[in-house]
N, C-alpha and C. Protein backbone atom coordinates (compact mmCIF):
# COMPACT_ATOMS: atom_id res chain seq x y z
N MET A 1 -223.01 -48.63 37.96
CA MET A 1 -223.95 -47.73 37.32
C MET A 1 -224.76 -47.01 38.41
N ASN A 2 -224.94 -45.71 38.24
CA ASN A 2 -225.73 -44.92 39.17
C ASN A 2 -227.15 -44.73 38.66
N THR A 3 -228.11 -44.92 39.56
CA THR A 3 -229.50 -44.62 39.26
C THR A 3 -229.99 -43.61 40.30
N LEU A 4 -231.08 -42.92 39.98
CA LEU A 4 -231.57 -41.85 40.83
C LEU A 4 -233.09 -41.86 40.89
N SER A 5 -233.62 -41.76 42.10
CA SER A 5 -235.06 -41.64 42.29
C SER A 5 -235.33 -40.61 43.38
N SER A 6 -236.60 -40.20 43.47
CA SER A 6 -237.00 -39.24 44.49
C SER A 6 -238.41 -39.57 44.97
N HIS A 7 -238.73 -39.05 46.15
CA HIS A 7 -240.04 -39.26 46.75
C HIS A 7 -240.36 -38.02 47.56
N VAL A 8 -241.55 -37.45 47.37
CA VAL A 8 -241.95 -36.26 48.11
C VAL A 8 -243.15 -36.60 48.98
N LEU A 9 -243.01 -36.31 50.27
CA LEU A 9 -244.09 -36.55 51.22
C LEU A 9 -244.53 -35.23 51.84
N ASP A 10 -245.82 -35.03 51.91
CA ASP A 10 -246.41 -33.86 52.54
C ASP A 10 -246.58 -34.20 54.02
N THR A 11 -245.74 -33.62 54.88
CA THR A 11 -245.78 -33.98 56.29
C THR A 11 -246.98 -33.40 57.02
N THR A 12 -247.60 -32.38 56.47
CA THR A 12 -248.80 -31.82 57.08
C THR A 12 -249.97 -32.78 56.95
N LEU A 13 -250.09 -33.38 55.77
CA LEU A 13 -251.18 -34.33 55.52
C LEU A 13 -250.80 -35.77 55.82
N GLY A 14 -249.49 -36.04 55.89
CA GLY A 14 -249.05 -37.41 56.07
C GLY A 14 -249.28 -38.25 54.84
N LYS A 15 -249.18 -37.61 53.65
CA LYS A 15 -249.46 -38.30 52.39
C LYS A 15 -248.42 -37.95 51.34
N PRO A 16 -248.32 -38.77 50.28
CA PRO A 16 -247.43 -38.43 49.16
C PRO A 16 -247.90 -37.14 48.48
N ALA A 17 -246.95 -36.40 47.94
CA ALA A 17 -247.24 -35.16 47.22
C ALA A 17 -247.20 -35.43 45.72
N GLN A 18 -248.37 -35.51 45.12
CA GLN A 18 -248.50 -35.79 43.68
C GLN A 18 -248.42 -34.51 42.88
N GLY A 19 -247.80 -34.59 41.69
CA GLY A 19 -247.81 -33.49 40.74
C GLY A 19 -246.78 -32.41 40.97
N ILE A 20 -245.74 -32.70 41.74
CA ILE A 20 -244.67 -31.71 41.93
C ILE A 20 -243.68 -31.85 40.78
N ALA A 21 -243.47 -30.74 40.08
CA ALA A 21 -242.50 -30.73 38.97
C ALA A 21 -241.09 -30.78 39.53
N LEU A 22 -240.22 -31.51 38.83
CA LEU A 22 -238.83 -31.67 39.22
C LEU A 22 -237.93 -31.24 38.06
N THR A 23 -236.83 -30.58 38.39
CA THR A 23 -235.80 -30.28 37.40
C THR A 23 -234.48 -30.75 37.96
N LEU A 24 -233.79 -31.61 37.21
CA LEU A 24 -232.48 -32.11 37.61
C LEU A 24 -231.43 -31.45 36.74
N THR A 25 -230.51 -30.73 37.38
CA THR A 25 -229.40 -30.12 36.66
C THR A 25 -228.19 -31.06 36.75
N LEU A 26 -227.70 -31.46 35.58
CA LEU A 26 -226.57 -32.39 35.48
C LEU A 26 -225.26 -31.65 35.64
N PRO A 27 -224.16 -32.37 35.90
CA PRO A 27 -222.87 -31.72 36.06
C PRO A 27 -222.46 -30.85 34.87
N ASP A 28 -222.90 -31.18 33.67
CA ASP A 28 -222.54 -30.40 32.48
C ASP A 28 -223.47 -29.20 32.26
N GLY A 29 -224.45 -29.00 33.15
CA GLY A 29 -225.36 -27.87 33.03
C GLY A 29 -226.67 -28.19 32.31
N ASN A 30 -226.74 -29.32 31.62
CA ASN A 30 -228.00 -29.72 30.99
C ASN A 30 -229.02 -30.08 32.05
N THR A 31 -230.30 -30.06 31.68
CA THR A 31 -231.35 -30.37 32.65
C THR A 31 -232.28 -31.46 32.13
N LEU A 32 -232.87 -32.17 33.08
CA LEU A 32 -233.91 -33.16 32.82
C LEU A 32 -235.09 -32.78 33.70
N SER A 33 -236.29 -33.20 33.31
CA SER A 33 -237.45 -32.83 34.12
C SER A 33 -238.40 -34.01 34.27
N GLY A 34 -239.27 -33.89 35.27
CA GLY A 34 -240.27 -34.91 35.53
C GLY A 34 -241.30 -34.37 36.50
N GLU A 35 -242.17 -35.26 36.95
CA GLU A 35 -243.24 -34.87 37.88
C GLU A 35 -243.56 -36.06 38.76
N THR A 36 -243.78 -35.80 40.04
CA THR A 36 -244.09 -36.90 40.96
C THR A 36 -245.44 -37.54 40.62
N ASP A 37 -245.49 -38.86 40.78
CA ASP A 37 -246.70 -39.62 40.47
C ASP A 37 -247.66 -39.62 41.65
N SER A 38 -248.69 -40.43 41.60
CA SER A 38 -249.72 -40.46 42.64
C SER A 38 -249.18 -40.92 43.99
N ASP A 39 -248.02 -41.57 43.98
CA ASP A 39 -247.37 -41.99 45.23
C ASP A 39 -246.26 -41.01 45.62
N GLY A 40 -246.17 -39.86 44.93
CA GLY A 40 -245.16 -38.87 45.24
C GLY A 40 -243.76 -39.23 44.77
N ARG A 41 -243.66 -40.21 43.88
CA ARG A 41 -242.35 -40.72 43.45
C ARG A 41 -242.04 -40.34 42.00
N PHE A 42 -240.73 -40.30 41.71
CA PHE A 42 -240.28 -40.13 40.33
C PHE A 42 -238.92 -40.80 40.18
N LYS A 43 -238.77 -41.54 39.07
CA LYS A 43 -237.48 -42.21 38.79
C LYS A 43 -237.17 -42.33 37.30
N ASN A 44 -238.08 -41.93 36.43
CA ASN A 44 -237.90 -42.14 34.99
C ASN A 44 -237.25 -40.94 34.32
N TRP A 45 -235.95 -40.78 34.54
CA TRP A 45 -235.22 -39.63 34.00
C TRP A 45 -234.85 -39.81 32.53
N GLY A 46 -235.01 -41.00 31.98
CA GLY A 46 -234.67 -41.23 30.58
C GLY A 46 -233.18 -41.46 30.36
N ILE A 47 -232.46 -41.78 31.41
CA ILE A 47 -231.03 -42.07 31.33
C ILE A 47 -230.85 -43.58 31.38
N GLU A 48 -230.55 -44.18 30.25
CA GLU A 48 -230.47 -45.64 30.18
C GLU A 48 -229.13 -46.20 30.66
N ASP A 49 -228.05 -45.44 30.49
CA ASP A 49 -226.73 -45.92 30.88
C ASP A 49 -226.34 -45.51 32.29
N GLY A 50 -227.26 -44.95 33.05
CA GLY A 50 -226.97 -44.51 34.41
C GLY A 50 -226.37 -43.12 34.43
N PHE A 51 -226.27 -42.57 35.61
CA PHE A 51 -225.75 -41.22 35.80
C PHE A 51 -224.26 -41.25 36.08
N ALA A 52 -223.54 -40.33 35.47
CA ALA A 52 -222.10 -40.20 35.68
C ALA A 52 -221.84 -39.63 37.07
N ALA A 53 -220.64 -39.86 37.57
CA ALA A 53 -220.23 -39.24 38.83
C ALA A 53 -220.23 -37.73 38.65
N GLY A 54 -220.54 -37.01 39.70
CA GLY A 54 -220.50 -35.55 39.65
C GLY A 54 -221.52 -34.93 40.58
N VAL A 55 -221.57 -33.60 40.52
CA VAL A 55 -222.47 -32.83 41.38
C VAL A 55 -223.75 -32.50 40.61
N TYR A 56 -224.88 -32.79 41.22
CA TYR A 56 -226.21 -32.60 40.63
C TYR A 56 -227.04 -31.70 41.54
N THR A 57 -228.00 -31.00 40.96
CA THR A 57 -228.97 -30.25 41.75
C THR A 57 -230.36 -30.67 41.33
N LEU A 58 -231.15 -31.08 42.31
CA LEU A 58 -232.53 -31.47 42.07
C LEU A 58 -233.43 -30.36 42.62
N ARG A 59 -234.18 -29.72 41.73
CA ARG A 59 -235.09 -28.64 42.13
C ARG A 59 -236.51 -29.18 42.18
N PHE A 60 -237.14 -28.98 43.31
CA PHE A 60 -238.53 -29.35 43.53
C PHE A 60 -239.35 -28.07 43.42
N HIS A 61 -240.21 -27.98 42.42
CA HIS A 61 -241.05 -26.80 42.21
C HIS A 61 -242.32 -26.99 43.06
N CYS A 62 -242.20 -26.70 44.34
CA CYS A 62 -243.23 -27.08 45.31
C CYS A 62 -244.32 -26.03 45.53
N LYS A 63 -244.10 -24.78 45.14
CA LYS A 63 -245.07 -23.73 45.45
C LYS A 63 -246.47 -24.02 44.90
N PRO A 64 -246.62 -24.39 43.62
CA PRO A 64 -247.98 -24.65 43.13
C PRO A 64 -248.72 -25.71 43.95
N TYR A 65 -248.01 -26.79 44.29
CA TYR A 65 -248.63 -27.85 45.09
C TYR A 65 -249.02 -27.33 46.47
N LEU A 66 -248.10 -26.64 47.15
CA LEU A 66 -248.37 -26.19 48.51
C LEU A 66 -249.47 -25.14 48.56
N VAL A 67 -249.49 -24.23 47.59
CA VAL A 67 -250.55 -23.21 47.56
C VAL A 67 -251.91 -23.88 47.31
N GLU A 68 -251.95 -24.81 46.36
CA GLU A 68 -253.21 -25.49 46.05
C GLU A 68 -253.69 -26.34 47.23
N THR A 69 -252.76 -27.00 47.89
CA THR A 69 -253.12 -27.94 48.96
C THR A 69 -253.32 -27.26 50.31
N HIS A 70 -252.48 -26.25 50.59
CA HIS A 70 -252.48 -25.65 51.93
C HIS A 70 -252.77 -24.14 51.94
N GLY A 71 -252.86 -23.52 50.78
CA GLY A 71 -253.18 -22.10 50.72
C GLY A 71 -252.00 -21.16 50.77
N SER A 72 -250.80 -21.67 51.08
CA SER A 72 -249.61 -20.82 51.10
C SER A 72 -248.35 -21.67 51.03
N SER A 73 -247.26 -20.98 50.69
CA SER A 73 -245.96 -21.63 50.63
C SER A 73 -244.87 -20.60 50.86
N PHE A 74 -244.01 -20.84 51.80
CA PHE A 74 -242.87 -19.96 52.04
C PHE A 74 -241.80 -20.16 50.97
N TYR A 75 -241.74 -21.36 50.40
CA TYR A 75 -240.70 -21.72 49.44
C TYR A 75 -241.26 -21.79 48.02
N PRO A 76 -240.73 -20.98 47.09
CA PRO A 76 -241.16 -21.11 45.70
C PRO A 76 -240.62 -22.40 45.08
N HIS A 77 -239.44 -22.81 45.53
CA HIS A 77 -238.84 -24.08 45.12
C HIS A 77 -237.82 -24.48 46.17
N ILE A 78 -237.42 -25.75 46.12
CA ILE A 78 -236.40 -26.26 47.03
C ILE A 78 -235.34 -26.93 46.18
N ASP A 79 -234.09 -26.50 46.34
CA ASP A 79 -232.96 -27.10 45.63
C ASP A 79 -232.17 -27.98 46.58
N ILE A 80 -231.87 -29.19 46.14
CA ILE A 80 -231.01 -30.09 46.89
C ILE A 80 -229.84 -30.45 45.98
N THR A 81 -228.66 -30.09 46.41
CA THR A 81 -227.45 -30.36 45.65
C THR A 81 -226.71 -31.52 46.32
N PHE A 82 -226.30 -32.49 45.51
CA PHE A 82 -225.67 -33.69 46.04
C PHE A 82 -224.63 -34.19 45.04
N GLU A 83 -223.79 -35.11 45.50
CA GLU A 83 -222.74 -35.64 44.65
C GLU A 83 -222.87 -37.15 44.49
N LEU A 84 -222.87 -37.60 43.25
CA LEU A 84 -222.89 -39.02 42.94
C LEU A 84 -221.45 -39.48 42.74
N GLU A 85 -221.11 -40.61 43.33
CA GLU A 85 -219.78 -41.18 43.17
C GLU A 85 -219.76 -42.15 41.99
N GLU A 86 -218.59 -42.43 41.47
CA GLU A 86 -218.44 -43.41 40.41
C GLU A 86 -218.91 -44.77 40.92
N ASN A 87 -219.81 -45.40 40.18
CA ASN A 87 -220.37 -46.71 40.56
C ASN A 87 -220.94 -46.71 41.97
N GLY A 88 -221.63 -45.64 42.33
CA GLY A 88 -222.20 -45.52 43.68
C GLY A 88 -223.48 -46.30 43.87
N GLY A 89 -224.05 -46.82 42.78
CA GLY A 89 -225.28 -47.60 42.89
C GLY A 89 -226.52 -46.74 42.81
N HIS A 90 -227.50 -47.10 43.61
CA HIS A 90 -228.77 -46.37 43.58
C HIS A 90 -228.74 -45.21 44.58
N TYR A 91 -229.16 -44.05 44.11
CA TYR A 91 -229.30 -42.87 44.96
C TYR A 91 -230.78 -42.51 45.02
N HIS A 92 -231.25 -42.23 46.23
CA HIS A 92 -232.64 -41.85 46.43
C HIS A 92 -232.65 -40.55 47.23
N VAL A 93 -233.35 -39.53 46.71
CA VAL A 93 -233.41 -38.22 47.36
C VAL A 93 -234.85 -37.94 47.78
N PRO A 94 -235.20 -38.26 49.03
CA PRO A 94 -236.54 -37.97 49.51
C PRO A 94 -236.64 -36.51 49.98
N LEU A 95 -237.84 -35.97 49.89
CA LEU A 95 -238.10 -34.62 50.39
C LEU A 95 -239.37 -34.67 51.22
N LEU A 96 -239.28 -34.16 52.44
CA LEU A 96 -240.44 -34.02 53.32
C LEU A 96 -240.78 -32.54 53.31
N ILE A 97 -242.03 -32.19 52.97
CA ILE A 97 -242.39 -30.79 52.85
C ILE A 97 -243.65 -30.44 53.65
N SER A 98 -243.71 -29.18 54.01
CA SER A 98 -244.91 -28.55 54.56
C SER A 98 -244.86 -27.11 54.04
N PRO A 99 -245.90 -26.31 54.24
CA PRO A 99 -245.87 -24.94 53.71
C PRO A 99 -244.71 -24.09 54.25
N PHE A 100 -244.18 -24.44 55.43
CA PHE A 100 -243.16 -23.59 56.05
C PHE A 100 -241.92 -24.35 56.50
N GLY A 101 -241.70 -25.55 55.95
CA GLY A 101 -240.51 -26.30 56.33
C GLY A 101 -240.27 -27.45 55.37
N PHE A 102 -239.02 -27.93 55.36
CA PHE A 102 -238.68 -29.09 54.56
C PHE A 102 -237.47 -29.80 55.17
N SER A 103 -237.30 -31.04 54.77
CA SER A 103 -236.17 -31.86 55.21
C SER A 103 -235.87 -32.86 54.12
N SER A 104 -234.60 -33.25 54.03
CA SER A 104 -234.19 -34.25 53.06
C SER A 104 -233.05 -35.08 53.65
N TYR A 105 -232.78 -36.21 53.03
CA TYR A 105 -231.72 -37.10 53.47
C TYR A 105 -231.41 -38.05 52.32
N ARG A 106 -230.33 -38.79 52.41
CA ARG A 106 -230.07 -39.81 51.39
C ARG A 106 -230.83 -41.06 51.78
N GLY A 107 -231.78 -41.41 50.95
CA GLY A 107 -232.59 -42.60 51.20
C GLY A 107 -232.00 -43.82 50.53
N SER A 108 -232.79 -44.87 50.49
CA SER A 108 -232.31 -46.11 49.88
C SER A 108 -233.32 -46.63 48.87
């Protein structure tokens, strides 16, 4: 069974980024949404049977957070597209952000 979580860290402040809206596009084109909590994390997608294998896109709607926190944002949103394998286990997609840069990797 595949599970999915995310974590957003503001590298300028060295703190979690709370309140960033997330949109997950599933392989069939349907979408799920959520928002990072006070620790910058989100994992409650409402998928009880786990995620099927396939290609997903996770959109981080970061502009409102970055403008409110730092006064500007080069990125209106950040899309990360990744592939889940059959019975791949837990997938974690962290995002490190600042007003003018970002980085991501497969976490654990």
